[in-house]
Structure formats: C-alpha cells, structure tokens
Amino acid sequence: MGSEDDFLLEDEDDEKTVEFIKNYLPQDLKDKFTDDDLYYILDLIVEYYTTSGCLDAQPDEEGYINIDQDEIVDFIVKEAAKNEMGPYDPEDVFFVVQGEMEYGNQLGEVE
C-alpha cells in the first residue's frame, strides 16, 4: 500500500474518531469544541503516545498498559498554550481523552 493510501486511511480513521468523540461528549461540552479543535487535540494525543514512551511500556500480568489520562490532558493543555490554541479547560479536555480511549477500546486497539 502506498503512502497516499496510508494517509487516506489515517484521515478516515481520524474522521471516525472525531465523530465518536463528538457523540461521546456530554451535552454541555458538545458546543465547546469545533471539529478543528477535536482534530488538533487528537493529533496531540497521538503525539503524546509516540513521544512519552507509554507505548513501549510492558503490560501488566493482565495484559494492560497503564496510561495516565491526567498526564495526557496536561500535555494537551501545555502544547495548546505553546501553539496559541484554545485555551482549553483541562476538565473539558479530559472528556475528549476519555472519548478517544473509549473509541480505541471499542475497536480493540487499546485495552
């Protein structure tokens, strides 16, 4: 598969993830995040996963890797401030992070 096909698959997956997150968010948060906000936050979540080393961690005896959602939220809020995005309320971002993880759980990618 060529790299163009890979990008199209990634875009389609990101689109599905964002739609899932929009449906996952509590009603009072649905208007706080635009699609662009959610794509940006999703990119930061992926960046956190790839740079934090959490994906290289050894699973526990039940096969789970402990990923600290609060650390992901802190990373997103700090990076967004550096990039002059947001500002995002950490409590609101937490729901987006939970939604992304729940989407992964439903796909069987994250346990």
N, C-alpha and C. Protein backbone atom coordinates (compact mmCIF):
# COMPACT_ATOMS: atom_id res chain seq x y z
N MET A 1 0.85 -1.18 0.00
CA MET A 1 0.00 0.00 0.00
C MET A 1 0.89 1.23 0.00
N GLY A 2 0.58 2.19 -0.84
CA GLY A 2 1.38 3.39 -0.95
C GLY A 2 1.12 4.34 0.19
N SER A 3 2.03 5.31 0.35
CA SER A 3 1.89 6.26 1.45
C SER A 3 0.65 7.13 1.29
N GLU A 4 0.23 7.41 0.04
CA GLU A 4 -1.00 8.18 -0.16
C GLU A 4 -2.21 7.40 0.38
N ASP A 5 -2.23 6.09 0.15
CA ASP A 5 -3.30 5.25 0.69
C ASP A 5 -3.27 5.25 2.21
N ASP A 6 -2.07 5.22 2.80
CA ASP A 6 -1.93 5.25 4.25
C ASP A 6 -2.52 6.54 4.81
N PHE A 7 -2.22 7.67 4.15
CA PHE A 7 -2.76 8.95 4.61
C PHE A 7 -4.28 8.98 4.52
N LEU A 8 -4.83 8.43 3.45
CA LEU A 8 -6.29 8.40 3.30
C LEU A 8 -6.93 7.55 4.39
N LEU A 9 -6.32 6.42 4.73
CA LEU A 9 -6.84 5.58 5.81
C LEU A 9 -6.75 6.29 7.14
N GLU A 10 -5.63 6.98 7.38
CA GLU A 10 -5.48 7.74 8.63
C GLU A 10 -6.52 8.83 8.72
N ASP A 11 -6.75 9.55 7.62
CA ASP A 11 -7.76 10.60 7.61
C ASP A 11 -9.14 10.04 7.91
N GLU A 12 -9.46 8.90 7.29
CA GLU A 12 -10.77 8.28 7.52
C GLU A 12 -10.90 7.84 8.97
N ASP A 13 -9.83 7.28 9.54
CA ASP A 13 -9.88 6.85 10.94
C ASP A 13 -10.02 8.06 11.85
N ASP A 14 -9.27 9.14 11.56
CA ASP A 14 -9.40 10.35 12.37
C ASP A 14 -10.82 10.89 12.31
N GLU A 15 -11.41 10.86 11.13
CA GLU A 15 -12.79 11.34 10.97
C GLU A 15 -13.75 10.52 11.82
N LYS A 16 -13.59 9.20 11.81
CA LYS A 16 -14.44 8.32 12.62
C LYS A 16 -14.21 8.57 14.11
N THR A 17 -12.95 8.79 14.48
CA THR A 17 -12.63 9.05 15.88
C THR A 17 -13.28 10.34 16.34
N VAL A 18 -13.17 11.39 15.53
CA VAL A 18 -13.75 12.68 15.89
C VAL A 18 -15.27 12.57 16.01
N GLU A 19 -15.90 11.86 15.09
CA GLU A 19 -17.36 11.67 15.17
C GLU A 19 -17.74 10.92 16.45
N PHE A 20 -16.96 9.90 16.80
CA PHE A 20 -17.23 9.16 18.03
C PHE A 20 -17.10 10.08 19.24
N ILE A 21 -16.02 10.87 19.28
CA ILE A 21 -15.80 11.77 20.41
C ILE A 21 -16.93 12.78 20.53
N LYS A 22 -17.38 13.33 19.40
CA LYS A 22 -18.48 14.30 19.43
C LYS A 22 -19.73 13.67 20.04
N ASN A 23 -19.99 12.42 19.74
CA ASN A 23 -21.14 11.74 20.31
C ASN A 23 -20.91 11.34 21.76
N TYR A 24 -19.65 11.15 22.14
CA TYR A 24 -19.29 10.73 23.49
C TYR A 24 -19.37 11.89 24.49
N LEU A 25 -19.07 13.09 24.03
CA LEU A 25 -19.03 14.25 24.93
C LEU A 25 -20.38 14.50 25.58
N PRO A 26 -20.37 14.92 26.85
CA PRO A 26 -21.62 15.33 27.49
C PRO A 26 -22.23 16.51 26.73
N GLN A 27 -23.53 16.63 26.81
CA GLN A 27 -24.26 17.66 26.04
C GLN A 27 -23.69 19.06 26.25
N ASP A 28 -23.32 19.40 27.49
CA ASP A 28 -22.83 20.75 27.77
C ASP A 28 -21.45 21.03 27.17
N LEU A 29 -20.75 20.00 26.68
CA LEU A 29 -19.43 20.20 26.07
C LEU A 29 -19.47 20.14 24.55
N LYS A 30 -20.56 19.69 23.99
CA LYS A 30 -20.63 19.49 22.54
C LYS A 30 -20.36 20.77 21.76
N ASP A 31 -20.75 21.92 22.29
CA ASP A 31 -20.54 23.18 21.59
C ASP A 31 -19.21 23.85 21.93
N LYS A 32 -18.47 23.29 22.88
CA LYS A 32 -17.20 23.90 23.28
C LYS A 32 -16.06 23.56 22.34
N PHE A 33 -16.18 22.48 21.59
CA PHE A 33 -15.11 22.05 20.70
C PHE A 33 -15.59 22.02 19.25
N THR A 34 -14.86 22.71 18.38
CA THR A 34 -15.14 22.61 16.96
C THR A 34 -14.49 21.32 16.44
N ASP A 35 -14.82 20.95 15.21
CA ASP A 35 -14.15 19.79 14.61
C ASP A 35 -12.65 20.04 14.55
N ASP A 36 -12.24 21.26 14.21
CA ASP A 36 -10.81 21.58 14.15
C ASP A 36 -10.15 21.40 15.51
N ASP A 37 -10.85 21.83 16.59
CA ASP A 37 -10.32 21.61 17.94
C ASP A 37 -10.10 20.12 18.19
N LEU A 38 -11.10 19.32 17.83
CA LEU A 38 -11.01 17.88 18.11
C LEU A 38 -9.91 17.22 17.28
N TYR A 39 -9.75 17.62 16.02
CA TYR A 39 -8.64 17.08 15.21
C TYR A 39 -7.30 17.49 15.81
N TYR A 40 -7.20 18.72 16.26
CA TYR A 40 -5.96 19.21 16.87
C TYR A 40 -5.65 18.42 18.15
N ILE A 41 -6.64 18.26 19.00
CA ILE A 41 -6.44 17.51 20.25
C ILE A 41 -6.10 16.06 19.94
N LEU A 42 -6.75 15.48 18.96
CA LEU A 42 -6.44 14.11 18.56
C LEU A 42 -4.98 13.99 18.11
N ASP A 43 -4.52 14.96 17.34
CA ASP A 43 -3.10 14.97 16.93
C ASP A 43 -2.18 15.03 18.14
N LEU A 44 -2.55 15.83 19.13
CA LEU A 44 -1.73 15.92 20.34
C LEU A 44 -1.75 14.63 21.14
N ILE A 45 -2.89 13.94 21.17
CA ILE A 45 -2.96 12.65 21.86
C ILE A 45 -1.99 11.67 21.19
N VAL A 46 -2.01 11.62 19.87
CA VAL A 46 -1.11 10.74 19.14
C VAL A 46 0.35 11.13 19.40
N GLU A 47 0.62 12.43 19.41
CA GLU A 47 1.98 12.90 19.70
C GLU A 47 2.40 12.46 21.10
N TYR A 48 1.49 12.57 22.07
CA TYR A 48 1.81 12.12 23.43
C TYR A 48 2.16 10.64 23.43
N TYR A 49 1.32 9.83 22.78
CA TYR A 49 1.57 8.39 22.74
C TYR A 49 2.94 8.08 22.15
N THR A 50 3.31 8.79 21.08
CA THR A 50 4.55 8.46 20.38
C THR A 50 5.79 9.02 21.05
N THR A 51 5.64 10.08 21.85
CA THR A 51 6.82 10.69 22.47
C THR A 51 6.99 10.36 23.95
N SER A 52 5.95 9.89 24.60
CA SER A 52 6.03 9.68 26.06
C SER A 52 6.66 8.35 26.44
N GLY A 53 6.72 7.43 25.50
CA GLY A 53 7.25 6.10 25.82
C GLY A 53 6.20 5.17 26.40
N CYS A 54 4.97 5.63 26.57
CA CYS A 54 3.94 4.79 27.19
C CYS A 54 3.62 3.57 26.33
N LEU A 55 3.81 3.70 25.02
CA LEU A 55 3.52 2.56 24.14
C LEU A 55 4.61 1.50 24.21
N ASP A 56 5.77 1.87 24.76
CA ASP A 56 6.87 0.93 24.91
C ASP A 56 6.84 0.22 26.26
N ALA A 57 5.92 0.63 27.13
CA ALA A 57 5.83 0.05 28.47
C ALA A 57 5.41 -1.41 28.39
N GLN A 58 5.85 -2.16 29.37
CA GLN A 58 5.49 -3.58 29.45
C GLN A 58 4.09 -3.71 30.05
N PRO A 59 3.23 -4.53 29.44
CA PRO A 59 1.89 -4.76 30.01
C PRO A 59 1.97 -5.45 31.37
N ASP A 60 0.96 -5.21 32.19
CA ASP A 60 0.90 -5.89 33.49
C ASP A 60 0.50 -7.35 33.27
N GLU A 61 0.32 -8.08 34.36
CA GLU A 61 0.02 -9.52 34.24
C GLU A 61 -1.31 -9.80 33.54
N GLU A 62 -2.19 -8.81 33.47
CA GLU A 62 -3.47 -8.97 32.76
C GLU A 62 -3.39 -8.48 31.31
N GLY A 63 -2.21 -8.00 30.90
CA GLY A 63 -2.02 -7.56 29.52
C GLY A 63 -2.34 -6.09 29.28
N TYR A 64 -2.53 -5.33 30.34
CA TYR A 64 -2.87 -3.92 30.21
C TYR A 64 -1.64 -3.04 30.37
N ILE A 65 -1.65 -1.92 29.66
CA ILE A 65 -0.64 -0.88 29.84
C ILE A 65 -1.34 0.29 30.51
N ASN A 66 -0.78 0.76 31.61
CA ASN A 66 -1.38 1.87 32.33
C ASN A 66 -1.02 3.18 31.64
N ILE A 67 -2.04 3.87 31.17
CA ILE A 67 -1.85 5.17 30.53
C ILE A 67 -2.57 6.20 31.39
N ASP A 68 -1.82 7.16 31.89
CA ASP A 68 -2.35 8.18 32.80
C ASP A 68 -3.06 9.27 31.99
N GLN A 69 -4.37 9.29 32.05
CA GLN A 69 -5.15 10.27 31.29
C GLN A 69 -4.86 11.69 31.75
N ASP A 70 -4.57 11.88 33.04
CA ASP A 70 -4.26 13.22 33.53
C ASP A 70 -2.98 13.76 32.90
N GLU A 71 -1.99 12.88 32.67
CA GLU A 71 -0.75 13.30 32.02
C GLU A 71 -1.02 13.72 30.57
N ILE A 72 -1.91 12.98 29.90
CA ILE A 72 -2.25 13.32 28.52
C ILE A 72 -2.94 14.69 28.49
N VAL A 73 -3.86 14.92 29.40
CA VAL A 73 -4.57 16.20 29.47
C VAL A 73 -3.57 17.33 29.72
N ASP A 74 -2.65 17.13 30.67
CA ASP A 74 -1.64 18.16 30.96
C ASP A 74 -0.81 18.46 29.72
N PHE A 75 -0.41 17.42 29.00
CA PHE A 75 0.37 17.58 27.77
C PHE A 75 -0.41 18.41 26.75
N ILE A 76 -1.67 18.07 26.55
CA ILE A 76 -2.50 18.78 25.57
C ILE A 76 -2.65 20.25 25.94
N VAL A 77 -2.95 20.53 27.19
CA VAL A 77 -3.17 21.91 27.62
C VAL A 77 -1.88 22.72 27.44
N LYS A 78 -0.73 22.14 27.81
CA LYS A 78 0.55 22.85 27.68
C LYS A 78 0.92 23.08 26.22
N GLU A 79 0.77 22.05 25.39
CA GLU A 79 1.11 22.19 23.97
C GLU A 79 0.18 23.19 23.29
N ALA A 80 -1.09 23.15 23.63
CA ALA A 80 -2.05 24.08 23.03
C ALA A 80 -1.69 25.51 23.39
N ALA A 81 -1.30 25.74 24.64
CA ALA A 81 -0.90 27.09 25.05
C ALA A 81 0.33 27.55 24.28
N LYS A 82 1.31 26.63 24.11
CA LYS A 82 2.52 26.98 23.35
C LYS A 82 2.19 27.32 21.90
N ASN A 83 1.21 26.61 21.34
CA ASN A 83 0.83 26.80 19.94
C ASN A 83 -0.27 27.85 19.76
N GLU A 84 -0.59 28.54 20.86
CA GLU A 84 -1.63 29.57 20.88
C GLU A 84 -2.97 29.05 20.38
N MET A 85 -3.29 27.84 20.80
CA MET A 85 -4.59 27.23 20.53
C MET A 85 -5.39 27.24 21.83
N GLY A 86 -6.70 27.15 21.70
CA GLY A 86 -7.51 27.12 22.92
C GLY A 86 -7.83 28.52 23.38
N PRO A 87 -7.81 28.79 24.67
CA PRO A 87 -7.39 27.89 25.75
C PRO A 87 -8.43 26.79 26.00
N TYR A 88 -7.92 25.66 26.47
CA TYR A 88 -8.77 24.53 26.76
C TYR A 88 -8.80 24.28 28.26
N ASP A 89 -9.99 24.06 28.77
CA ASP A 89 -10.17 23.71 30.18
C ASP A 89 -9.77 22.25 30.36
N PRO A 90 -8.83 21.97 31.28
CA PRO A 90 -8.39 20.58 31.47
C PRO A 90 -9.53 19.61 31.76
N GLU A 91 -10.54 20.06 32.48
CA GLU A 91 -11.67 19.17 32.78
C GLU A 91 -12.44 18.82 31.52
N ASP A 92 -12.53 19.76 30.59
CA ASP A 92 -13.22 19.51 29.32
C ASP A 92 -12.38 18.59 28.43
N VAL A 93 -11.07 18.84 28.39
CA VAL A 93 -10.16 18.03 27.57
C VAL A 93 -10.17 16.58 28.07
N PHE A 94 -10.34 16.39 29.37
CA PHE A 94 -10.36 15.04 29.93
C PHE A 94 -11.44 14.19 29.26
N PHE A 95 -12.60 14.78 28.98
CA PHE A 95 -13.67 14.04 28.31
C PHE A 95 -13.28 13.66 26.89
N VAL A 96 -12.53 14.54 26.20
CA VAL A 96 -12.07 14.23 24.85
C VAL A 96 -11.09 13.06 24.90
N VAL A 97 -10.17 13.09 25.86
CA VAL A 97 -9.20 12.00 26.02
C VAL A 97 -9.92 10.69 26.33
N GLN A 98 -10.90 10.75 27.22
CA GLN A 98 -11.68 9.54 27.52
C GLN A 98 -12.40 9.03 26.29
N GLY A 99 -12.96 9.93 25.50
CA GLY A 99 -13.66 9.53 24.28
C GLY A 99 -12.73 8.86 23.29
N GLU A 100 -11.51 9.38 23.15
CA GLU A 100 -10.53 8.78 22.24
C GLU A 100 -10.16 7.38 22.72
N MET A 101 -9.96 7.23 24.02
CA MET A 101 -9.62 5.92 24.58
C MET A 101 -10.78 4.94 24.43
N GLU A 102 -11.98 5.41 24.65
CA GLU A 102 -13.15 4.54 24.52
C GLU A 102 -13.32 4.08 23.08
N TYR A 103 -13.06 4.98 22.14
CA TYR A 103 -13.13 4.59 20.73
C TYR A 103 -12.10 3.49 20.44
N GLY A 104 -10.89 3.68 20.95
CA GLY A 104 -9.86 2.65 20.79
C GLY A 104 -10.26 1.33 21.42
N ASN A 105 -10.86 1.40 22.59
CA ASN A 105 -11.32 0.19 23.27
C ASN A 105 -12.36 -0.54 22.43
N GLN A 106 -13.27 0.20 21.83
CA GLN A 106 -14.32 -0.42 21.02
C GLN A 106 -13.75 -1.06 19.76
N LEU A 107 -12.65 -0.51 19.27
CA LEU A 107 -12.01 -1.10 18.11
C LEU A 107 -11.11 -2.27 18.49
N GLY A 108 -10.85 -2.39 19.80
CA GLY A 108 -9.98 -3.47 20.26
C GLY A 108 -8.51 -3.13 20.16
N GLU A 109 -8.20 -1.84 19.90
CA GLU A 109 -6.81 -1.44 19.76
C GLU A 109 -6.16 -1.17 21.10
N VAL A 110 -6.93 -0.67 22.05
CA VAL A 110 -6.40 -0.29 23.35
C VAL A 110 -7.15 -1.07 24.39
N GLU A 111 -6.42 -1.59 25.35
CA GLU A 111 -7.11 -2.32 26.42
C GLU A 111 -6.83 -1.67 27.74
